[in-house]
Amino acid sequence: MTSIFQEGFSYKKCGVSLNDISSVDAVQLDFLAQAVDLHDERLMSVIDSLNKRYGSGTIRFASEGIRQDWKMRTDRRSPRYTTRWDELLVVKAN
């Protein structure tokens, strides 16, 4: 293996970042991006309707994983007084 180091030269550490190097059909859009393809919109509509009809999670993306063992912990969650009627404070006067 050949070394490129040469004595007598000052070296600085640097990095190179290559962004946006992917095929157009392999790009994951952000939440607010518009759908690129009408076919994708139809596919998502079918997936949504199947999940609505047969239950949430009936059809999912492989990136979501197979096992869904975890549950969000809510034991330390703040009360939602401003958004949930059933959590609204009730004051009783004696």
PDB file of N, CA and C in Angstrom:
ATOM      1  N   MET A   1       0.844  -1.174   0.000  1.00  0.00           N
ATOM      2  CA  MET A   1       0.000   0.000   0.000  1.00  0.00           C
ATOM      3  C   MET A   1       0.891   1.239   0.000  1.00  0.00           C
ATOM      4  N   THR A   2       0.634   2.159  -0.870  1.00  0.00           N
ATOM      5  CA  THR A   2       1.447   3.355  -1.011  1.00  0.00           C
ATOM      6  C   THR A   2       0.919   4.455  -0.108  1.00  0.00           C
ATOM      7  N   SER A   3       1.793   5.158   0.576  1.00  0.00           N
ATOM      8  CA  SER A   3       1.411   6.264   1.438  1.00  0.00           C
ATOM      9  C   SER A   3       1.558   7.570   0.668  1.00  0.00           C
ATOM     10  N   ILE A   4       0.597   8.476   0.851  1.00  0.00           N
ATOM     11  CA  ILE A   4       0.687   9.775   0.180  1.00  0.00           C
ATOM     12  C   ILE A   4       1.310  10.837   1.077  1.00  0.00           C
ATOM     13  N   PHE A   5       1.603  10.490   2.325  1.00  0.00           N
ATOM     14  CA  PHE A   5       2.212  11.429   3.265  1.00  0.00           C
ATOM     15  C   PHE A   5       3.639  11.754   2.836  1.00  0.00           C
ATOM     16  N   GLN A   6       3.951  13.044   2.888  1.00  0.00           N
ATOM     17  CA  GLN A   6       5.312  13.491   2.595  1.00  0.00           C
ATOM     18  C   GLN A   6       5.752  14.441   3.696  1.00  0.00           C
ATOM     19  N   GLU A   7       6.927  14.244   4.190  1.00  0.00           N
ATOM     20  CA  GLU A   7       7.466  15.118   5.243  1.00  0.00           C
ATOM     21  C   GLU A   7       7.700  16.507   4.687  1.00  0.00           C
ATOM     22  N   GLY A   8       7.541  17.516   5.572  1.00  0.00           N
ATOM     23  CA  GLY A   8       7.805  18.892   5.185  1.00  0.00           C
ATOM     24  C   GLY A   8       6.572  19.648   4.720  1.00  0.00           C
ATOM     25  N   PHE A   9       5.457  18.984   4.600  1.00  0.00           N
ATOM     26  CA  PHE A   9       4.222  19.645   4.193  1.00  0.00           C
ATOM     27  C   PHE A   9       3.295  19.769   5.404  1.00  0.00           C
ATOM     28  N   SER A  10       2.524  20.869   5.469  1.00  0.00           N
ATOM     29  CA  SER A  10       1.509  21.033   6.517  1.00  0.00           C
ATOM     30  C   SER A  10       0.204  20.418   6.012  1.00  0.00           C
ATOM     31  N   TYR A  11      -0.402  19.561   6.834  1.00  0.00           N
ATOM     32  CA  TYR A  11      -1.640  18.886   6.452  1.00  0.00           C
ATOM     33  C   TYR A  11      -2.782  19.354   7.349  1.00  0.00           C
ATOM     34  N   LYS A  12      -3.971  19.407   6.809  1.00  0.00           N
ATOM     35  CA  LYS A  12      -5.190  19.709   7.553  1.00  0.00           C
ATOM     36  C   LYS A  12      -6.175  18.573   7.332  1.00  0.00           C
ATOM     37  N   LYS A  13      -6.888  18.224   8.385  1.00  0.00           N
ATOM     38  CA  LYS A  13      -7.902  17.184   8.278  1.00  0.00           C
ATOM     39  C   LYS A  13      -9.159  17.804   7.657  1.00  0.00           C
ATOM     40  N   CYS A  14      -9.770  17.109   6.727  1.00  0.00           N
ATOM     41  CA  CYS A  14     -11.003  17.617   6.117  1.00  0.00           C
ATOM     42  C   CYS A  14     -11.893  16.436   5.744  1.00  0.00           C
ATOM     43  N   GLY A  15     -13.106  16.728   5.397  1.00  0.00           N
ATOM     44  CA  GLY A  15     -14.046  15.707   4.980  1.00  0.00           C
ATOM     45  C   GLY A  15     -14.761  16.142   3.718  1.00  0.00           C
ATOM     46  N   VAL A  16     -15.305  15.188   3.028  1.00  0.00           N
ATOM     47  CA  VAL A  16     -16.048  15.462   1.802  1.00  0.00           C
ATOM     48  C   VAL A  16     -17.443  14.879   1.973  1.00  0.00           C
ATOM     49  N   SER A  17     -18.438  15.686   1.697  1.00  0.00           N
ATOM     50  CA  SER A  17     -19.821  15.240   1.809  1.00  0.00           C
ATOM     51  C   SER A  17     -20.449  15.233   0.421  1.00  0.00           C
ATOM     52  N   LEU A  18     -21.002  14.105   0.039  1.00  0.00           N
ATOM     53  CA  LEU A  18     -21.671  13.982  -1.251  1.00  0.00           C
ATOM     54  C   LEU A  18     -23.169  13.924  -1.003  1.00  0.00           C
ATOM     55  N   ASN A  19     -23.873  14.950  -1.434  1.00  0.00           N
ATOM     56  CA  ASN A  19     -25.311  15.031  -1.206  1.00  0.00           C
ATOM     57  C   ASN A  19     -26.074  14.785  -2.495  1.00  0.00           C
ATOM     58  N   ASP A  20     -27.278  14.303  -2.356  1.00  0.00           N
ATOM     59  CA  ASP A  20     -28.207  14.117  -3.471  1.00  0.00           C
ATOM     60  C   ASP A  20     -27.664  13.202  -4.558  1.00  0.00           C
ATOM     61  N   ILE A  21     -26.963  12.174  -4.173  1.00  0.00           N
ATOM     62  CA  ILE A  21     -26.494  11.205  -5.157  1.00  0.00           C
ATOM     63  C   ILE A  21     -27.363   9.960  -5.027  1.00  0.00           C
ATOM     64  N   SER A  22     -28.438   9.957  -5.764  1.00  0.00           N
ATOM     65  CA  SER A  22     -29.350   8.821  -5.771  1.00  0.00           C
ATOM     66  C   SER A  22     -30.233   8.939  -6.995  1.00  0.00           C
ATOM     67  N   SER A  23     -30.851   7.830  -7.346  1.00  0.00           N
ATOM     68  CA  SER A  23     -31.770   7.890  -8.479  1.00  0.00           C
ATOM     69  C   SER A  23     -33.040   8.618  -8.054  1.00  0.00           C
ATOM     70  N   VAL A  24     -33.715   9.186  -8.999  1.00  0.00           N
ATOM     71  CA  VAL A  24     -34.902   9.991  -8.704  1.00  0.00           C
ATOM     72  C   VAL A  24     -35.985   9.166  -8.021  1.00  0.00           C
ATOM     73  N   ASP A  25     -36.116   7.892  -8.368  1.00  0.00           N
ATOM     74  CA  ASP A  25     -37.181   7.066  -7.800  1.00  0.00           C
ATOM     75  C   ASP A  25     -36.826   6.500  -6.427  1.00  0.00           C
ATOM     76  N   ALA A  26     -35.633   6.799  -5.911  1.00  0.00           N
ATOM     77  CA  ALA A  26     -35.229   6.282  -4.601  1.00  0.00           C
ATOM     78  C   ALA A  26     -35.114   7.389  -3.565  1.00  0.00           C
ATOM     79  N   VAL A  27     -35.719   8.527  -3.809  1.00  0.00           N
ATOM     80  CA  VAL A  27     -35.622   9.655  -2.901  1.00  0.00           C
ATOM     81  C   VAL A  27     -36.769   9.615  -1.913  1.00  0.00           C
ATOM     82  N   GLN A  28     -36.458   9.739  -0.624  1.00  0.00           N
ATOM     83  CA  GLN A  28     -37.496   9.826   0.390  1.00  0.00           C
ATOM     84  C   GLN A  28     -37.791  11.298   0.639  1.00  0.00           C
ATOM     85  N   LEU A  29     -39.024  11.691   0.376  1.00  0.00           N
ATOM     86  CA  LEU A  29     -39.410  13.090   0.498  1.00  0.00           C
ATOM     87  C   LEU A  29     -39.666  13.452   1.950  1.00  0.00           C
ATOM     88  N   ASP A  30     -39.622  14.744   2.237  1.00  0.00           N
ATOM     89  CA  ASP A  30     -39.963  15.177   3.582  1.00  0.00           C
ATOM     90  C   ASP A  30     -41.478  15.245   3.720  1.00  0.00           C
ATOM     91  N   PHE A  31     -41.934  15.517   4.921  1.00  0.00           N
ATOM     92  CA  PHE A  31     -43.355  15.478   5.251  1.00  0.00           C
ATOM     93  C   PHE A  31     -44.184  16.459   4.424  1.00  0.00           C
ATOM     94  N   LEU A  32     -43.633  17.613   4.097  1.00  0.00           N
ATOM     95  CA  LEU A  32     -44.389  18.654   3.410  1.00  0.00           C
ATOM     96  C   LEU A  32     -44.217  18.634   1.893  1.00  0.00           C
ATOM     97  N   ALA A  33     -43.418  17.735   1.362  1.00  0.00           N
ATOM     98  CA  ALA A  33     -43.174  17.684  -0.077  1.00  0.00           C
ATOM     99  C   ALA A  33     -44.400  17.160  -0.810  1.00  0.00           C
ATOM    100  N   GLN A  34     -44.600  17.649  -2.019  1.00  0.00           N
ATOM    101  CA  GLN A  34     -45.713  17.178  -2.825  1.00  0.00           C
ATOM    102  C   GLN A  34     -45.394  15.810  -3.397  1.00  0.00           C
ATOM    103  N   ALA A  35     -46.436  15.040  -3.631  1.00  0.00           N
ATOM    104  CA  ALA A  35     -46.248  13.727  -4.247  1.00  0.00           C
ATOM    105  C   ALA A  35     -45.731  13.915  -5.669  1.00  0.00           C
ATOM    106  N   VAL A  36     -44.804  13.092  -6.054  1.00  0.00           N
ATOM    107  CA  VAL A  36     -44.171  13.232  -7.356  1.00  0.00           C
ATOM    108  C   VAL A  36     -44.964  12.538  -8.440  1.00  0.00           C
ATOM    109  N   ASP A  37     -45.584  11.429  -8.112  1.00  0.00           N
ATOM    110  CA  ASP A  37     -46.196  10.583  -9.122  1.00  0.00           C
ATOM    111  C   ASP A  37     -47.649  10.319  -8.777  1.00  0.00           C
ATOM    112  N   LEU A  38     -48.501  10.374  -9.776  1.00  0.00           N
ATOM    113  CA  LEU A  38     -49.914  10.072  -9.575  1.00  0.00           C
ATOM    114  C   LEU A  38     -50.103   8.621  -9.164  1.00  0.00           C
ATOM    115  N   HIS A  39     -49.242   7.732  -9.665  1.00  0.00           N
ATOM    116  CA  HIS A  39     -49.293   6.320  -9.293  1.00  0.00           C
ATOM    117  C   HIS A  39     -49.052   6.160  -7.794  1.00  0.00           C
ATOM    118  N   ASP A  40     -48.107   6.909  -7.240  1.00  0.00           N
ATOM    119  CA  ASP A  40     -47.831   6.853  -5.805  1.00  0.00           C
ATOM    120  C   ASP A  40     -49.035   7.304  -4.993  1.00  0.00           C
ATOM    121  N   GLU A  41     -49.703   8.336  -5.472  1.00  0.00           N
ATOM    122  CA  GLU A  41     -50.894   8.830  -4.763  1.00  0.00           C
ATOM    123  C   GLU A  41     -51.995   7.770  -4.763  1.00  0.00           C
ATOM    124  N   ARG A  42     -52.190   7.104  -5.881  1.00  0.00           N
ATOM    125  CA  ARG A  42     -53.211   6.050  -5.955  1.00  0.00           C
ATOM    126  C   ARG A  42     -52.846   4.882  -5.047  1.00  0.00           C
ATOM    127  N   LEU A  43     -51.562   4.510  -5.042  1.00  0.00           N
ATOM    128  CA  LEU A  43     -51.111   3.421  -4.189  1.00  0.00           C
ATOM    129  C   LEU A  43     -51.344   3.762  -2.718  1.00  0.00           C
ATOM    130  N   MET A  44     -50.982   4.972  -2.301  1.00  0.00           N
ATOM    131  CA  MET A  44     -51.190   5.380  -0.911  1.00  0.00           C
ATOM    132  C   MET A  44     -52.672   5.403  -0.568  1.00  0.00           C
ATOM    133  N   SER A  45     -53.508   5.800  -1.513  1.00  0.00           N
ATOM    134  CA  SER A  45     -54.950   5.811  -1.291  1.00  0.00           C
ATOM    135  C   SER A  45     -55.474   4.401  -1.053  1.00  0.00           C
ATOM    136  N   VAL A  46     -54.974   3.443  -1.826  1.00  0.00           N
ATOM    137  CA  VAL A  46     -55.390   2.040  -1.658  1.00  0.00           C
ATOM    138  C   VAL A  46     -54.921   1.512  -0.311  1.00  0.00           C
ATOM    139  N   ILE A  47     -53.669   1.805   0.047  1.00  0.00           N
ATOM    140  CA  ILE A  47     -53.132   1.361   1.338  1.00  0.00           C
ATOM    141  C   ILE A  47     -53.945   1.960   2.484  1.00  0.00           C
ATOM    142  N   ASP A  48     -54.248   3.255   2.389  1.00  0.00           N
ATOM    143  CA  ASP A  48     -55.047   3.901   3.430  1.00  0.00           C
ATOM    144  C   ASP A  48     -56.432   3.286   3.543  1.00  0.00           C
ATOM    145  N   SER A  49     -57.068   3.012   2.413  1.00  0.00           N
ATOM    146  CA  SER A  49     -58.420   2.445   2.470  1.00  0.00           C
ATOM    147  C   SER A  49     -58.406   1.020   3.033  1.00  0.00           C
ATOM    148  N   LEU A  50     -57.374   0.232   2.692  1.00  0.00           N
ATOM    149  CA  LEU A  50     -57.276  -1.117   3.257  1.00  0.00           C
ATOM    150  C   LEU A  50     -57.034  -1.064   4.766  1.00  0.00           C
ATOM    151  N   ASN A  51     -56.175  -0.166   5.205  1.00  0.00           N
ATOM    152  CA  ASN A  51     -55.920  -0.034   6.638  1.00  0.00           C
ATOM    153  C   ASN A  51     -57.153   0.479   7.370  1.00  0.00           C
ATOM    154  N   LYS A  52     -57.925   1.322   6.718  1.00  0.00           N
ATOM    155  CA  LYS A  52     -59.154   1.815   7.347  1.00  0.00           C
ATOM    156  C   LYS A  52     -60.191   0.696   7.454  1.00  0.00           C
ATOM    157  N   ARG A  53     -60.265  -0.122   6.404  1.00  0.00           N
ATOM    158  CA  ARG A  53     -61.272  -1.192   6.365  1.00  0.00           C
ATOM    159  C   ARG A  53     -60.912  -2.367   7.274  1.00  0.00           C
ATOM    160  N   TYR A  54     -59.644  -2.789   7.261  1.00  0.00           N
ATOM    161  CA  TYR A  54     -59.240  -3.991   7.980  1.00  0.00           C
ATOM    162  C   TYR A  54     -58.454  -3.728   9.258  1.00  0.00           C
ATOM    163  N   GLY A  55     -58.236  -2.469   9.589  1.00  0.00           N
ATOM    164  CA  GLY A  55     -57.535  -2.142  10.821  1.00  0.00           C
ATOM    165  C   GLY A  55     -56.161  -1.545  10.564  1.00  0.00           C
ATOM    166  N   SER A  56     -55.796  -0.628  11.421  1.00  0.00           N
ATOM    167  CA  SER A  56     -54.520   0.068  11.289  1.00  0.00           C
ATOM    168  C   SER A  56     -53.355  -0.917  11.315  1.00  0.00           C
ATOM    169  N   GLY A  57     -52.417  -0.748  10.392  1.00  0.00           N
ATOM    170  CA  GLY A  57     -51.246  -1.606  10.358  1.00  0.00           C
ATOM    171  C   GLY A  57     -51.427  -2.882   9.552  1.00  0.00           C
ATOM    172  N   THR A  58     -52.592  -3.045   8.899  1.00  0.00           N
ATOM    173  CA  THR A  58     -52.787  -4.228   8.072  1.00  0.00           C
ATOM    174  C   THR A  58     -51.761  -4.253   6.945  1.00  0.00           C
ATOM    175  N   ILE A  59     -51.561  -3.102   6.324  1.00  0.00           N
ATOM    176  CA  ILE A  59     -50.531  -2.962   5.293  1.00  0.00           C
ATOM    177  C   ILE A  59     -49.582  -1.872   5.769  1.00  0.00           C
ATOM    178  N   ARG A  60     -48.270  -2.207   5.788  1.00  0.00           N
ATOM    179  CA  ARG A  60     -47.273  -1.230   6.207  1.00  0.00           C
ATOM    180  C   ARG A  60     -46.066  -1.322   5.295  1.00  0.00           C
ATOM    181  N   PHE A  61     -45.205  -0.330   5.435  1.00  0.00           N
ATOM    182  CA  PHE A  61     -43.954  -0.324   4.690  1.00  0.00           C
ATOM    183  C   PHE A  61     -42.938  -1.198   5.410  1.00  0.00           C
ATOM    184  N   ALA A  62     -42.066  -1.818   4.660  1.00  0.00           N
ATOM    185  CA  ALA A  62     -41.041  -2.685   5.247  1.00  0.00           C
ATOM    186  C   ALA A  62     -40.131  -1.907   6.190  1.00  0.00           C
ATOM    187  N   SER A  63     -39.944  -0.624   5.945  1.00  0.00           N
ATOM    188  CA  SER A  63     -39.073   0.183   6.795  1.00  0.00           C
ATOM    189  C   SER A  63     -39.645   0.374   8.199  1.00  0.00           C
ATOM    190  N   GLU A  64     -40.929   0.068   8.386  1.00  0.00           N
ATOM    191  CA  GLU A  64     -41.529   0.165   9.714  1.00  0.00           C
ATOM    192  C   GLU A  64     -41.157  -1.018  10.593  1.00  0.00           C
ATOM    193  N   GLY A  65     -40.631  -2.065   9.997  1.00  0.00           N
ATOM    194  CA  GLY A  65     -40.250  -3.246  10.760  1.00  0.00           C
ATOM    195  C   GLY A  65     -41.404  -4.215  10.913  1.00  0.00           C
ATOM    196  N   ILE A  66     -41.065  -5.435  11.282  1.00  0.00           N
ATOM    197  CA  ILE A  66     -42.078  -6.477  11.429  1.00  0.00           C
ATOM    198  C   ILE A  66     -42.620  -6.496  12.846  1.00  0.00           C
ATOM    199  N   ARG A  67     -41.733  -6.480  13.818  1.00  0.00           N
ATOM    200  CA  ARG A  67     -42.155  -6.540  15.218  1.00  0.00           C
ATOM    201  C   ARG A  67     -42.441  -5.133  15.736  1.00  0.00           C
ATOM    202  N   GLN A  68     -43.578  -4.971  16.333  1.00  0.00           N
ATOM    203  CA  GLN A  68     -43.979  -3.692  16.916  1.00  0.00           C
ATOM    204  C   GLN A  68     -44.229  -3.900  18.410  1.00  0.00           C
ATOM    205  N   ASP A  69     -43.176  -4.325  19.131  1.00  0.00           N
ATOM    206  CA  ASP A  69     -43.312  -4.666  20.545  1.00  0.00           C
ATOM    207  C   ASP A  69     -43.445  -3.451  21.460  1.00  0.00           C
ATOM    208  N   TRP A  70     -42.839  -2.365  21.073  1.00  0.00           N
ATOM    209  CA  TRP A  70     -42.763  -1.224  21.969  1.00  0.00           C
ATOM    210  C   TRP A  70     -44.079  -0.447  21.978  1.00  0.00           C
ATOM    211  N   LYS A  71     -44.335   0.192  23.069  1.00  0.00           N
ATOM    212  CA  LYS A  71     -45.472   1.097  23.219  1.00  0.00           C
ATOM    213  C   LYS A  71     -44.954   2.395  23.823  1.00  0.00           C
ATOM    214  N   MET A  72     -45.547   3.500  23.427  1.00  0.00           N
ATOM    215  CA  MET A  72     -45.138   4.776  23.975  1.00  0.00           C
ATOM    216  C   MET A  72     -45.536   4.857  25.447  1.00  0.00           C
ATOM    217  N   ARG A  73     -44.621   5.298  26.276  1.00  0.00           N
ATOM    218  CA  ARG A  73     -44.931   5.453  27.699  1.00  0.00           C
ATOM    219  C   ARG A  73     -45.705   6.741  27.902  1.00  0.00           C
ATOM    220  N   THR A  74     -46.817   6.646  28.613  1.00  0.00           N
ATOM    221  CA  THR A  74     -47.631   7.831  28.857  1.00  0.00           C
ATOM    222  C   THR A  74     -47.817   8.094  30.343  1.00  0.00           C
ATOM    223  N   ASP A  75     -47.115   7.351  31.182  1.00  0.00           N
ATOM    224  CA  ASP A  75     -47.311   7.525  32.616  1.00  0.00           C
ATOM    225  C   ASP A  75     -46.765   8.863  33.119  1.00  0.00           C
ATOM    226  N   ARG A  76     -45.886   9.502  32.396  1.00  0.00           N
ATOM    227  CA  ARG A  76     -45.341  10.801  32.815  1.00  0.00           C
ATOM    228  C   ARG A  76     -45.771  11.935  31.886  1.00  0.00           C
ATOM    229  N   ARG A  77     -46.776  11.667  31.068  1.00  0.00           N
ATOM    230  CA  ARG A  77     -47.273  12.664  30.133  1.00  0.00           C
ATOM    231  C   ARG A  77     -48.040  13.756  30.874  1.00  0.00           C
ATOM    232  N   SER A  78     -47.895  14.981  30.422  1.00  0.00           N
ATOM    233  CA  SER A  78     -48.640  16.098  31.007  1.00  0.00           C
ATOM    234  C   SER A  78     -50.111  15.985  30.634  1.00  0.00           C
ATOM    235  N   PRO A  79     -51.007  16.412  31.523  1.00  0.00           N
ATOM    236  CA  PRO A  79     -52.433  16.401  31.176  1.00  0.00           C
ATOM    237  C   PRO A  79     -52.701  17.313  29.978  1.00  0.00           C
ATOM    238  N   ARG A  80     -53.680  16.921  29.163  1.00  0.00           N
ATOM    239  CA  ARG A  80     -54.001  17.693  27.959  1.00  0.00           C
ATOM    240  C   ARG A  80     -55.278  18.489  28.188  1.00  0.00           C
ATOM    241  N   TYR A  81     -55.249  19.402  29.139  1.00  0.00           N
ATOM    242  CA  TYR A  81     -56.433  20.166  29.517  1.00  0.00           C
ATOM    243  C   TYR A  81     -57.025  20.956  28.359  1.00  0.00           C
ATOM    244  N   THR A  82     -56.180  21.441  27.468  1.00  0.00           N
ATOM    245  CA  THR A  82     -56.664  22.326  26.410  1.00  0.00           C
ATOM    246  C   THR A  82     -57.112  21.590  25.156  1.00  0.00           C
ATOM    247  N   THR A  83     -56.864  20.299  25.074  1.00  0.00           N
ATOM    248  CA  THR A  83     -57.219  19.582  23.851  1.00  0.00           C
ATOM    249  C   THR A  83     -58.105  18.363  24.074  1.00  0.00           C
ATOM    250  N   ARG A  84     -58.339  17.962  25.309  1.00  0.00           N
ATOM    251  CA  ARG A  84     -59.153  16.776  25.588  1.00  0.00           C
ATOM    252  C   ARG A  84     -60.240  17.116  26.602  1.00  0.00           C
ATOM    253  N   TRP A  85     -61.500  16.961  26.209  1.00  0.00           N
ATOM    254  CA  TRP A  85     -62.600  17.259  27.119  1.00  0.00           C
ATOM    255  C   TRP A  85     -62.562  16.349  28.345  1.00  0.00           C
ATOM    256  N   ASP A  86     -62.207  15.077  28.152  1.00  0.00           N
ATOM    257  CA  ASP A  86     -62.214  14.142  29.265  1.00  0.00           C
ATOM    258  C   ASP A  86     -61.078  14.388  30.262  1.00  0.00           C
ATOM    259  N   GLU A  87     -60.116  15.248  29.932  1.00  0.00           N
ATOM    260  CA  GLU A  87     -59.047  15.585  30.858  1.00  0.00           C
ATOM    261  C   GLU A  87     -59.175  17.002  31.412  1.00  0.00           C
ATOM    262  N   LEU A  88     -60.283  17.641  31.119  1.00  0.00           N
ATOM    263  CA  LEU A  88     -60.517  18.988  31.617  1.00  0.00           C
ATOM    264  C   LEU A  88     -60.661  18.978  33.136  1.00  0.00           C
ATOM    265  N   LEU A  89     -60.060  19.931  33.786  1.00  0.00           N
ATOM    266  CA  LEU A  89     -60.128  19.991  35.245  1.00  0.00           C
ATOM    267  C   LEU A  89     -61.553  20.274  35.698  1.00  0.00           C
ATOM    268  N   VAL A  90     -61.969  19.617  36.760  1.00  0.00           N
ATOM    269  CA  VAL A  90     -63.288  19.822  37.353  1.00  0.00           C
ATOM    270  C   VAL A  90     -63.077  20.390  38.749  1.00  0.00           C
ATOM    271  N   VAL A  91     -63.669  21.537  39.008  1.00  0.00           N
ATOM    272  CA  VAL A  91     -63.537  22.176  40.317  1.00  0.00           C
ATOM    273  C   VAL A  91     -64.877  22.078  41.028  1.00  0.00           C
ATOM    274  N   LYS A  92     -64.857  21.548  42.269  1.00  0.00           N
ATOM    275  CA  LYS A  92     -66.078  21.439  43.056  1.00  0.00           C
ATOM    276  C   LYS A  92     -65.966  22.374  44.236  1.00  0.00           C
ATOM    277  N   ALA A  93     -67.004  23.183  44.454  1.00  0.00           N
ATOM    278  CA  ALA A  93     -67.016  24.134  45.567  1.00  0.00           C
ATOM    279  C   ALA A  93     -67.841  23.538  46.711  1.00  0.00           C
ATOM    280  N   ASN A  94     -67.359  23.701  47.924  1.00  0.00           N
ATOM    281  CA  ASN A  94     -68.091  23.190  49.096  1.00  0.00           C
ATOM    282  C   ASN A  94     -68.960  24.245  49.693  1.00  0.00           C
TER     283      ASN A  94
END
